[in-house]
Amino acid sequence: MIILAILVTLAAIGAMCWLLFALAVFALPFLIGFTAAGWAHTSGAGWLGALIIGFVGAGAILIIGQLLLAFARPLWLKLLIAIAFVTPAAIAGFYATHGVVKHAVPSETWQLVLSVIGAIAIGVVAFAQVTTMGLAAPGPAGRNVSRA
């Protein structure tokens, strides 16, 4: 029974890490949507209004980010937009890694070191997702088309 509990715990940690890597690029839209929903709820919109405002805010940030990356010309501007998406993901990666590591490593120094390594890993994955999976501009059409 104890072995089964250990295996289920490891599987759950693995699933959460996979979710963190897969959804890291959506940390900024989630943050904006959550903030907008909180603002709407405290201003008297109610739960339903706050939920709608949160989803609209998150979707708007994601769409605006995709459009800015698709149509921005200077590379430095695209890099700034990518960093805006990567920074909340890296912060979330730091705290997620720290939450796992603090139960396994007794030394606070090593907890911080491993948490920073986790933040860097999540940040790199988020940057790769931002630049390759639909948030970056596609290449010019017709480049690899053979001519008859």
N, C-alpha and C. Protein backbone atom coordinates (compact mmCIF):
# COMPACT_ATOMS: atom_id res chain seq x y z
N MET A 1 0.82 -1.19 0.00
CA MET A 1 0.00 0.00 0.00
C MET A 1 0.86 1.26 0.00
N ILE A 2 1.96 1.23 0.76
CA ILE A 2 2.84 2.39 0.81
C ILE A 2 3.51 2.60 -0.54
N ILE A 3 3.89 1.52 -1.20
CA ILE A 3 4.53 1.63 -2.51
C ILE A 3 3.54 2.22 -3.51
N LEU A 4 2.29 1.80 -3.44
CA LEU A 4 1.28 2.35 -4.33
C LEU A 4 1.09 3.85 -4.09
N ALA A 5 1.10 4.28 -2.83
CA ALA A 5 0.96 5.70 -2.51
C ALA A 5 2.15 6.49 -3.05
N ILE A 6 3.35 5.95 -2.97
CA ILE A 6 4.53 6.61 -3.50
C ILE A 6 4.44 6.73 -5.02
N LEU A 7 4.01 5.67 -5.68
CA LEU A 7 3.88 5.69 -7.13
C LEU A 7 2.81 6.68 -7.59
N VAL A 8 1.69 6.72 -6.89
CA VAL A 8 0.62 7.67 -7.23
C VAL A 8 1.09 9.10 -7.00
N THR A 9 1.85 9.34 -5.93
CA THR A 9 2.38 10.67 -5.66
C THR A 9 3.35 11.09 -6.75
N LEU A 10 4.23 10.20 -7.16
CA LEU A 10 5.17 10.52 -8.24
C LEU A 10 4.44 10.78 -9.55
N ALA A 11 3.40 10.01 -9.82
CA ALA A 11 2.60 10.24 -11.03
C ALA A 11 1.90 11.59 -10.97
N ALA A 12 1.39 11.96 -9.80
CA ALA A 12 0.72 13.25 -9.66
C ALA A 12 1.71 14.40 -9.83
N ILE A 13 2.89 14.28 -9.26
CA ILE A 13 3.92 15.32 -9.44
C ILE A 13 4.32 15.41 -10.90
N GLY A 14 4.47 14.27 -11.56
CA GLY A 14 4.79 14.27 -12.99
C GLY A 14 3.70 14.92 -13.82
N ALA A 15 2.46 14.65 -13.50
CA ALA A 15 1.34 15.26 -14.23
C ALA A 15 1.30 16.76 -14.01
N MET A 16 1.54 17.20 -12.80
CA MET A 16 1.54 18.65 -12.53
C MET A 16 2.71 19.34 -13.23
N CYS A 17 3.87 18.70 -13.26
CA CYS A 17 5.01 19.27 -13.99
C CYS A 17 4.71 19.34 -15.48
N TRP A 18 4.09 18.30 -16.02
CA TRP A 18 3.73 18.33 -17.45
C TRP A 18 2.74 19.46 -17.73
N LEU A 19 1.74 19.63 -16.86
CA LEU A 19 0.80 20.73 -17.03
C LEU A 19 1.49 22.08 -16.94
N LEU A 20 2.43 22.21 -16.01
CA LEU A 20 3.16 23.46 -15.88
C LEU A 20 3.96 23.77 -17.14
N PHE A 21 4.63 22.77 -17.70
CA PHE A 21 5.38 22.99 -18.93
C PHE A 21 4.45 23.28 -20.11
N ALA A 22 3.34 22.55 -20.19
CA ALA A 22 2.44 22.72 -21.33
C ALA A 22 1.68 24.04 -21.29
N LEU A 23 1.34 24.52 -20.11
CA LEU A 23 0.51 25.72 -19.99
C LEU A 23 1.28 26.95 -19.53
N ALA A 24 2.61 26.89 -19.56
CA ALA A 24 3.42 28.01 -19.06
C ALA A 24 3.19 29.28 -19.86
N VAL A 25 2.94 29.16 -21.14
CA VAL A 25 2.78 30.34 -21.98
C VAL A 25 1.50 31.11 -21.66
N PHE A 26 0.57 30.48 -20.98
CA PHE A 26 -0.69 31.12 -20.66
C PHE A 26 -0.69 31.78 -19.28
N ALA A 27 0.48 31.92 -18.66
CA ALA A 27 0.54 32.53 -17.33
C ALA A 27 0.16 34.00 -17.38
N LEU A 28 0.61 34.75 -18.39
CA LEU A 28 0.26 36.17 -18.48
C LEU A 28 -1.23 36.37 -18.74
N PRO A 29 -1.83 35.68 -19.71
CA PRO A 29 -3.28 35.85 -19.87
C PRO A 29 -4.07 35.44 -18.63
N PHE A 30 -3.64 34.40 -17.94
CA PHE A 30 -4.33 34.00 -16.70
C PHE A 30 -4.21 35.08 -15.65
N LEU A 31 -3.02 35.66 -15.52
CA LEU A 31 -2.81 36.71 -14.54
C LEU A 31 -3.69 37.92 -14.84
N ILE A 32 -3.73 38.33 -16.09
CA ILE A 32 -4.55 39.48 -16.49
C ILE A 32 -6.03 39.17 -16.30
N GLY A 33 -6.46 37.98 -16.71
CA GLY A 33 -7.86 37.60 -16.55
C GLY A 33 -8.27 37.51 -15.09
N PHE A 34 -7.40 36.96 -14.26
CA PHE A 34 -7.70 36.84 -12.84
C PHE A 34 -7.78 38.22 -12.18
N THR A 35 -6.87 39.11 -12.57
CA THR A 35 -6.88 40.46 -12.03
C THR A 35 -8.13 41.22 -12.47
N ALA A 36 -8.49 41.08 -13.74
CA ALA A 36 -9.68 41.75 -14.24
C ALA A 36 -10.94 41.20 -13.57
N ALA A 37 -10.98 39.90 -13.35
CA ALA A 37 -12.14 39.30 -12.68
C ALA A 37 -12.24 39.78 -11.24
N GLY A 38 -11.11 39.88 -10.56
CA GLY A 38 -11.12 40.39 -9.19
C GLY A 38 -11.58 41.83 -9.13
N TRP A 39 -11.11 42.64 -10.07
CA TRP A 39 -11.54 44.05 -10.12
C TRP A 39 -13.04 44.13 -10.39
N ALA A 40 -13.52 43.33 -11.36
CA ALA A 40 -14.94 43.38 -11.70
C ALA A 40 -15.80 42.93 -10.52
N HIS A 41 -15.34 41.91 -9.79
CA HIS A 41 -16.12 41.42 -8.66
C HIS A 41 -16.17 42.46 -7.54
N THR A 42 -15.06 43.12 -7.25
CA THR A 42 -15.07 44.11 -6.18
C THR A 42 -15.82 45.38 -6.57
N SER A 43 -15.99 45.60 -7.88
CA SER A 43 -16.74 46.79 -8.30
C SER A 43 -18.24 46.51 -8.40
N GLY A 44 -18.66 45.28 -8.07
CA GLY A 44 -20.08 44.99 -8.00
C GLY A 44 -20.65 44.24 -9.19
N ALA A 45 -19.81 43.61 -10.00
CA ALA A 45 -20.30 42.90 -11.18
C ALA A 45 -20.90 41.54 -10.84
N GLY A 46 -20.63 41.03 -9.66
CA GLY A 46 -21.13 39.71 -9.29
C GLY A 46 -20.22 38.62 -9.84
N TRP A 47 -20.52 37.37 -9.47
CA TRP A 47 -19.68 36.25 -9.89
C TRP A 47 -19.73 36.03 -11.39
N LEU A 48 -20.91 36.07 -11.97
CA LEU A 48 -21.04 35.82 -13.41
C LEU A 48 -20.35 36.91 -14.21
N GLY A 49 -20.57 38.15 -13.84
CA GLY A 49 -19.93 39.26 -14.54
C GLY A 49 -18.42 39.21 -14.40
N ALA A 50 -17.94 38.86 -13.21
CA ALA A 50 -16.50 38.75 -13.00
C ALA A 50 -15.90 37.63 -13.84
N LEU A 51 -16.61 36.52 -13.94
CA LEU A 51 -16.14 35.40 -14.75
C LEU A 51 -16.07 35.80 -16.22
N ILE A 52 -17.09 36.47 -16.71
CA ILE A 52 -17.09 36.90 -18.11
C ILE A 52 -15.98 37.91 -18.36
N ILE A 53 -15.82 38.89 -17.48
CA ILE A 53 -14.76 39.88 -17.63
C ILE A 53 -13.39 39.22 -17.59
N GLY A 54 -13.20 38.25 -16.72
CA GLY A 54 -11.93 37.54 -16.63
C GLY A 54 -11.59 36.80 -17.91
N PHE A 55 -12.58 36.08 -18.45
CA PHE A 55 -12.33 35.35 -19.70
C PHE A 55 -12.09 36.30 -20.87
N VAL A 56 -12.83 37.39 -20.92
CA VAL A 56 -12.63 38.36 -22.00
C VAL A 56 -11.24 39.00 -21.88
N GLY A 57 -10.84 39.36 -20.66
CA GLY A 57 -9.52 39.96 -20.46
C GLY A 57 -8.39 39.02 -20.84
N ALA A 58 -8.49 37.77 -20.42
CA ALA A 58 -7.45 36.79 -20.74
C ALA A 58 -7.38 36.53 -22.24
N GLY A 59 -8.54 36.38 -22.85
CA GLY A 59 -8.56 36.16 -24.30
C GLY A 59 -8.03 37.35 -25.07
N ALA A 60 -8.37 38.55 -24.60
CA ALA A 60 -7.90 39.75 -25.29
C ALA A 60 -6.38 39.86 -25.20
N ILE A 61 -5.80 39.58 -24.05
CA ILE A 61 -4.34 39.65 -23.92
C ILE A 61 -3.67 38.60 -24.80
N LEU A 62 -4.23 37.41 -24.86
CA LEU A 62 -3.64 36.37 -25.70
C LEU A 62 -3.72 36.75 -27.18
N ILE A 63 -4.85 37.26 -27.60
CA ILE A 63 -5.01 37.66 -29.01
C ILE A 63 -4.12 38.86 -29.34
N ILE A 64 -4.08 39.83 -28.44
CA ILE A 64 -3.23 41.01 -28.67
C ILE A 64 -1.77 40.60 -28.74
N GLY A 65 -1.35 39.70 -27.87
CA GLY A 65 0.03 39.21 -27.92
C GLY A 65 0.34 38.49 -29.21
N GLN A 66 -0.57 37.66 -29.67
CA GLN A 66 -0.36 36.95 -30.94
C GLN A 66 -0.29 37.92 -32.11
N LEU A 67 -1.19 38.90 -32.12
CA LEU A 67 -1.18 39.87 -33.21
C LEU A 67 0.07 40.74 -33.19
N LEU A 68 0.48 41.16 -32.00
CA LEU A 68 1.70 41.97 -31.91
C LEU A 68 2.92 41.19 -32.37
N LEU A 69 3.00 39.92 -32.00
CA LEU A 69 4.13 39.12 -32.45
C LEU A 69 4.06 38.84 -33.95
N ALA A 70 2.86 38.74 -34.48
CA ALA A 70 2.72 38.45 -35.90
C ALA A 70 3.04 39.66 -36.77
N PHE A 71 2.70 40.85 -36.31
CA PHE A 71 2.82 42.01 -37.17
C PHE A 71 3.92 42.99 -36.76
N ALA A 72 4.56 42.78 -35.64
CA ALA A 72 5.65 43.67 -35.23
C ALA A 72 6.87 43.39 -36.10
N ARG A 73 7.50 44.45 -36.58
CA ARG A 73 8.67 44.28 -37.44
C ARG A 73 9.98 44.18 -36.68
N PRO A 74 10.29 45.11 -35.77
CA PRO A 74 11.61 45.04 -35.13
C PRO A 74 11.75 43.83 -34.23
N LEU A 75 12.91 43.24 -34.27
CA LEU A 75 13.17 42.05 -33.46
C LEU A 75 13.15 42.39 -31.98
N TRP A 76 13.62 43.57 -31.59
CA TRP A 76 13.64 43.95 -30.19
C TRP A 76 12.22 44.05 -29.63
N LEU A 77 11.26 44.49 -30.46
CA LEU A 77 9.87 44.58 -30.01
C LEU A 77 9.28 43.19 -29.80
N LYS A 78 9.58 42.27 -30.73
CA LYS A 78 9.12 40.89 -30.57
C LYS A 78 9.73 40.26 -29.33
N LEU A 79 10.99 40.58 -29.06
CA LEU A 79 11.65 40.05 -27.87
C LEU A 79 11.01 40.59 -26.60
N LEU A 80 10.67 41.86 -26.58
CA LEU A 80 9.99 42.44 -25.41
C LEU A 80 8.62 41.81 -25.17
N ILE A 81 7.89 41.56 -26.25
CA ILE A 81 6.58 40.92 -26.12
C ILE A 81 6.74 39.49 -25.60
N ALA A 82 7.74 38.78 -26.13
CA ALA A 82 7.99 37.41 -25.66
C ALA A 82 8.39 37.41 -24.19
N ILE A 83 9.20 38.39 -23.78
CA ILE A 83 9.61 38.47 -22.37
C ILE A 83 8.40 38.77 -21.49
N ALA A 84 7.46 39.55 -21.99
CA ALA A 84 6.24 39.83 -21.21
C ALA A 84 5.45 38.55 -20.97
N PHE A 85 5.47 37.60 -21.91
CA PHE A 85 4.78 36.34 -21.72
C PHE A 85 5.61 35.36 -20.88
N VAL A 86 6.93 35.45 -20.97
CA VAL A 86 7.81 34.49 -20.30
C VAL A 86 7.98 34.81 -18.82
N THR A 87 8.00 36.09 -18.45
CA THR A 87 8.27 36.46 -17.06
C THR A 87 7.26 35.87 -16.07
N PRO A 88 5.94 36.00 -16.28
CA PRO A 88 5.02 35.36 -15.32
C PRO A 88 5.15 33.84 -15.31
N ALA A 89 5.50 33.25 -16.45
CA ALA A 89 5.69 31.80 -16.50
C ALA A 89 6.90 31.39 -15.66
N ALA A 90 7.98 32.16 -15.74
CA ALA A 90 9.17 31.84 -14.96
C ALA A 90 8.90 32.02 -13.46
N ILE A 91 8.15 33.05 -13.11
CA ILE A 91 7.81 33.25 -11.69
C ILE A 91 6.94 32.09 -11.19
N ALA A 92 5.98 31.68 -12.00
CA ALA A 92 5.15 30.53 -11.62
C ALA A 92 5.99 29.27 -11.52
N GLY A 93 6.96 29.12 -12.42
CA GLY A 93 7.86 27.97 -12.37
C GLY A 93 8.70 27.95 -11.11
N PHE A 94 9.15 29.15 -10.69
CA PHE A 94 9.93 29.23 -9.45
C PHE A 94 9.11 28.74 -8.27
N TYR A 95 7.89 29.26 -8.14
CA TYR A 95 7.08 28.90 -6.98
C TYR A 95 6.56 27.47 -7.05
N ALA A 96 6.29 26.97 -8.24
CA ALA A 96 5.87 25.57 -8.35
C ALA A 96 7.02 24.63 -7.98
N THR A 97 8.22 24.95 -8.47
CA THR A 97 9.38 24.13 -8.13
C THR A 97 9.69 24.23 -6.64
N HIS A 98 9.59 25.43 -6.11
CA HIS A 98 9.86 25.62 -4.68
C HIS A 98 8.85 24.83 -3.82
N GLY A 99 7.60 24.78 -4.27
CA GLY A 99 6.59 24.02 -3.53
C GLY A 99 6.89 22.54 -3.49
N VAL A 100 7.47 22.01 -4.56
CA VAL A 100 7.82 20.59 -4.59
C VAL A 100 9.12 20.34 -3.83
N VAL A 101 10.10 21.21 -4.05
CA VAL A 101 11.43 21.00 -3.49
C VAL A 101 11.47 21.17 -1.98
N LYS A 102 10.64 22.04 -1.44
CA LYS A 102 10.71 22.28 0.01
C LYS A 102 10.30 21.06 0.82
N HIS A 103 9.62 20.10 0.18
CA HIS A 103 9.25 18.87 0.88
C HIS A 103 10.32 17.79 0.74
N ALA A 104 11.27 18.00 -0.17
CA ALA A 104 12.26 16.96 -0.42
C ALA A 104 13.67 17.34 0.01
N VAL A 105 13.97 18.65 0.05
CA VAL A 105 15.33 19.11 0.35
C VAL A 105 15.28 19.93 1.63
N PRO A 106 16.05 19.54 2.65
CA PRO A 106 15.99 20.29 3.91
C PRO A 106 16.73 21.63 3.89
N SER A 107 17.76 21.75 3.09
CA SER A 107 18.56 22.97 3.07
C SER A 107 17.85 24.08 2.29
N GLU A 108 17.70 25.25 2.94
CA GLU A 108 17.02 26.36 2.26
C GLU A 108 17.83 26.89 1.09
N THR A 109 19.15 26.81 1.18
CA THR A 109 20.00 27.26 0.08
C THR A 109 19.75 26.41 -1.16
N TRP A 110 19.74 25.09 -0.96
CA TRP A 110 19.50 24.21 -2.10
C TRP A 110 18.06 24.31 -2.60
N GLN A 111 17.13 24.61 -1.73
CA GLN A 111 15.76 24.84 -2.18
C GLN A 111 15.72 26.02 -3.15
N LEU A 112 16.40 27.10 -2.80
CA LEU A 112 16.43 28.27 -3.68
C LEU A 112 17.17 27.99 -4.97
N VAL A 113 18.29 27.26 -4.88
CA VAL A 113 19.04 26.93 -6.09
C VAL A 113 18.19 26.10 -7.04
N LEU A 114 17.55 25.08 -6.52
CA LEU A 114 16.72 24.22 -7.37
C LEU A 114 15.48 24.96 -7.88
N SER A 115 14.95 25.88 -7.07
CA SER A 115 13.80 26.67 -7.52
C SER A 115 14.19 27.60 -8.66
N VAL A 116 15.37 28.19 -8.60
CA VAL A 116 15.85 29.04 -9.68
C VAL A 116 16.08 28.22 -10.94
N ILE A 117 16.62 27.02 -10.79
CA ILE A 117 16.81 26.14 -11.95
C ILE A 117 15.45 25.80 -12.56
N GLY A 118 14.45 25.52 -11.72
CA GLY A 118 13.10 25.26 -12.23
C GLY A 118 12.51 26.46 -12.93
N ALA A 119 12.74 27.66 -12.39
CA ALA A 119 12.25 28.88 -13.03
C ALA A 119 12.89 29.08 -14.39
N ILE A 120 14.18 28.82 -14.48
CA ILE A 120 14.87 28.95 -15.77
C ILE A 120 14.34 27.93 -16.77
N ALA A 121 14.13 26.71 -16.31
CA ALA A 121 13.61 25.67 -17.21
C ALA A 121 12.21 26.04 -17.73
N ILE A 122 11.35 26.48 -16.84
CA ILE A 122 10.00 26.86 -17.25
C ILE A 122 10.06 28.08 -18.17
N GLY A 123 10.94 29.03 -17.86
CA GLY A 123 11.08 30.21 -18.71
C GLY A 123 11.56 29.87 -20.10
N VAL A 124 12.51 28.95 -20.21
CA VAL A 124 13.01 28.53 -21.52
C VAL A 124 11.91 27.83 -22.31
N VAL A 125 11.16 26.96 -21.64
CA VAL A 125 10.06 26.27 -22.32
C VAL A 125 8.99 27.26 -22.77
N ALA A 126 8.66 28.22 -21.91
CA ALA A 126 7.66 29.22 -22.29
C ALA A 126 8.16 30.07 -23.46
N PHE A 127 9.44 30.42 -23.45
CA PHE A 127 10.00 31.20 -24.56
C PHE A 127 9.94 30.40 -25.86
N ALA A 128 10.25 29.11 -25.78
CA ALA A 128 10.17 28.26 -26.96
C ALA A 128 8.73 28.16 -27.46
N GLN A 129 7.78 28.06 -26.55
CA GLN A 129 6.38 27.98 -26.95
C GLN A 129 5.92 29.29 -27.58
N VAL A 130 6.33 30.41 -27.00
CA VAL A 130 5.92 31.71 -27.53
C VAL A 130 6.48 31.92 -28.92
N THR A 131 7.72 31.52 -29.13
CA THR A 131 8.35 31.78 -30.43
C THR A 131 8.05 30.74 -31.49
N THR A 132 7.55 29.57 -31.11
CA THR A 132 7.34 28.54 -32.13
C THR A 132 5.91 28.04 -32.27
N MET A 133 5.08 28.15 -31.24
CA MET A 133 3.78 27.50 -31.29
C MET A 133 2.64 28.48 -31.47
N GLY A 134 2.63 29.19 -32.57
CA GLY A 134 1.47 30.01 -32.89
C GLY A 134 1.54 31.44 -32.42
N LEU A 135 2.46 31.78 -31.54
CA LEU A 135 2.53 33.15 -31.10
C LEU A 135 3.55 33.95 -31.90
N ALA A 136 4.34 33.29 -32.71
CA ALA A 136 5.30 34.00 -33.54
C ALA A 136 4.78 34.08 -34.97
N ALA A 137 5.28 35.04 -35.68
CA ALA A 137 4.82 35.24 -37.05
C ALA A 137 5.32 34.10 -37.94
N PRO A 138 4.47 33.60 -38.82
CA PRO A 138 4.92 32.58 -39.76
C PRO A 138 5.84 33.20 -40.78
N GLY A 139 6.63 32.36 -41.39
CA GLY A 139 7.55 32.82 -42.43
C GLY A 139 6.78 33.27 -43.67
N PRO A 140 7.48 33.93 -44.59
CA PRO A 140 6.82 34.39 -45.81
C PRO A 140 6.23 33.22 -46.58
N ALA A 141 5.05 33.43 -47.10
CA ALA A 141 4.34 32.37 -47.82
C ALA A 141 5.03 32.13 -49.16
N GLY A 142 5.08 30.89 -49.57
CA GLY A 142 5.56 30.54 -50.89
C GLY A 142 7.08 30.42 -50.99
N ARG A 143 7.78 30.39 -49.90
CA ARG A 143 9.24 30.30 -49.95
C ARG A 143 9.71 28.94 -50.43
N ASN A 144 9.10 27.90 -49.92
CA ASN A 144 9.55 26.55 -50.24
C ASN A 144 8.66 25.89 -51.30
N VAL A 145 8.07 26.68 -52.14
CA VAL A 145 7.20 26.15 -53.17
C VAL A 145 8.03 25.94 -54.43
N SER A 146 8.00 24.72 -54.95
CA SER A 146 8.76 24.46 -56.17
C SER A 146 8.01 25.02 -57.36
N ARG A 147 8.75 25.55 -58.27
CA ARG A 147 8.14 26.16 -59.45
C ARG A 147 8.10 25.17 -60.60
N ALA A 148 7.01 25.24 -61.34
CA ALA A 148 6.84 24.29 -62.44
C ALA A 148 7.50 24.80 -63.70
